[in-house]
Protein backbone atom coordinates (compact mmCIF):
# COMPACT_ATOMS: atom_id res chain seq x y z
CA MET A 1 -79.75 -2.75 75.32
CA ALA A 2 -76.19 -3.97 75.83
CA ARG A 3 -73.43 -1.61 74.84
CA LEU A 4 -70.79 -3.28 72.68
CA ARG A 5 -67.16 -2.48 73.29
CA LYS A 6 -64.89 -2.11 70.27
CA GLN A 7 -62.46 -5.04 70.01
CA LEU A 8 -58.86 -3.89 69.69
CA PRO A 9 -56.63 -5.73 67.21
CA ALA A 10 -53.98 -7.98 68.75
CA HIS A 11 -50.38 -7.20 67.83
CA GLN A 12 -48.20 -10.29 68.41
CA GLY A 13 -44.52 -10.99 67.99
CA ALA A 14 -41.17 -11.87 69.48
CA GLY A 15 -39.19 -9.15 71.21
CA GLU A 16 -36.53 -8.38 73.75
CA LEU A 17 -37.25 -7.61 77.40
CA ARG A 18 -34.87 -5.57 79.56
CA PHE A 19 -35.07 -4.93 83.26
CA ARG A 20 -32.59 -4.71 86.10
CA GLY A 21 -30.33 -7.78 85.82
CA PHE A 22 -31.99 -9.30 82.73
CA CYS A 23 -32.00 -8.89 78.97
CA GLY A 24 -33.49 -11.63 76.82
CA PRO A 25 -36.12 -12.79 74.34
CA VAL A 26 -39.86 -12.97 75.06
CA ASP A 27 -43.06 -13.37 73.06
CA TYR A 28 -45.66 -10.63 73.44
CA GLU A 29 -49.26 -9.79 72.61
CA ILE A 30 -50.45 -6.19 72.71
CA LEU A 31 -54.12 -5.21 72.49
CA GLY A 32 -54.10 -2.27 70.10
CA GLU A 33 -51.62 -0.86 67.65
CA PRO A 34 -48.38 0.38 69.25
CA SER A 35 -47.75 2.83 66.39
CA THR A 36 -50.86 4.80 67.47
CA LEU A 37 -49.54 5.30 71.01
CA ARG A 38 -48.67 8.95 71.66
CA LEU A 39 -47.04 10.80 74.52
CA GLY A 40 -49.54 11.21 77.34
CA PRO A 41 -51.58 9.24 79.84
CA LEU A 42 -53.07 6.71 77.39
CA ARG A 43 -51.69 3.18 77.62
CA LEU A 44 -52.05 -0.10 75.79
CA ARG A 45 -52.36 -3.39 77.62
CA GLY A 46 -50.64 -6.62 76.80
CA SER A 47 -48.94 -9.75 78.01
CA LEU A 48 -45.55 -11.34 77.61
CA THR A 49 -44.61 -15.00 77.65
CA ALA A 50 -41.27 -16.26 78.94
CA THR A 51 -40.07 -18.86 81.41
CA PRO A 52 -41.94 -18.81 84.74
CA GLU A 53 -38.79 -17.49 86.46
CA VAL A 54 -38.32 -14.59 84.02
CA ALA A 55 -42.03 -13.69 84.15
CA ALA A 56 -41.90 -13.61 87.97
CA GLU A 57 -38.68 -11.57 88.06
CA ALA A 58 -40.08 -9.06 85.56
CA PHE A 59 -43.23 -8.66 87.65
CA HIS A 60 -41.19 -8.12 90.81
CA ALA A 61 -39.00 -5.57 89.01
CA GLY A 62 -42.17 -3.57 88.28
CA GLU A 63 -40.91 -1.71 85.21
CA ALA A 64 -39.05 -2.81 82.11
CA GLU A 65 -38.38 -1.96 78.48
CA LEU A 66 -39.87 -4.05 75.69
CA LYS A 67 -38.30 -3.91 72.24
CA LEU A 68 -40.74 -5.05 69.55
CA GLU A 69 -39.93 -7.02 66.38
CA ASP A 70 -39.79 -3.81 64.35
CA GLY A 71 -37.13 -2.35 66.67
CA ARG A 72 -39.28 0.19 68.53
CA ALA A 73 -38.83 0.18 72.30
CA PHE A 74 -41.51 0.99 74.89
CA ARG A 75 -41.51 1.36 78.66
CA ILE A 76 -43.84 -1.12 80.30
CA THR A 77 -45.25 -1.40 83.80
CA LEU A 78 -45.87 -4.97 84.93
CA VAL A 79 -49.31 -5.20 86.54
CA GLY A 80 -49.97 -8.92 86.99
CA HIS A 81 -48.49 -12.40 87.26
CA SER A 82 -49.60 -15.68 88.84
CA THR A 83 -47.02 -17.84 90.62
CA GLY A 84 -45.69 -20.53 88.28
CA SER A 85 -47.20 -18.94 85.17
CA GLN A 86 -45.21 -18.15 82.01
CA THR A 87 -47.33 -15.04 81.41
CA ALA A 88 -46.96 -11.57 82.90
CA TYR A 89 -49.36 -8.72 82.12
CA PHE A 90 -48.32 -5.14 81.44
CA GLU A 91 -49.35 -1.65 80.41
CA MET A 92 -47.19 0.18 77.92
CA ARG A 93 -46.68 3.88 77.32
CA VAL A 94 -44.39 6.11 75.29
């Protein structure tokens, strides 16, 4: 019998991304609810959409801060990006 995995709700919005040498708007999608994230090893995964250049620069920077629509800010670690893509993938933690 196949084991079903619980689907996490998607939290989408427009936010502000900051990393060394850049501060600007991005769209994001986070799998899970950021308000449930607590201090510790647990992380939520998500993606951000920007211009291909900004997405590539963010990925190469490795770490950034993402400010959500509601004003909360989270540290993110960029974990994936394909050359020429507008999307970069990240893990966020408190």
